[in-house]
Amino acid sequence: MATHSGGNGSRFGPEEYPLPETLEEAEQLAASIEEAVRRETGGAVRNLHVEVSRKGVFLEGYCDTYYCKQLAQQAAMCLSGDDRLTNRIEVS
């Protein structure tokens, strides 16, 4: 699996991380992303919800630090790519 190395330009295009075609595939991807986010953040994102649709991947929840929010985003990007990820996790 490829990982994102940062930088100004995205190395990943939509063709490398196609969004799921079926509801079942979308649910499987959402579950995989949720598991990865929980693992990488040590469960620090409260009320975590991952939504996968034709419009992209959306992360929602609450955490205590921007670092935790960033860890969640990185974990999700490894599975979804970064072009279609929206991080709506709120830092409180």
Foldseek 3Di string as FASTA:
>chain_A
DDAFPDDDDFPDDCVVQPADPDPVSQVVLQVQLVVQLCVQLVNQFAPWGWGGDNQAIETEGEGADVVSLVSSLRSSCVRHNDPRYHYHYYHD
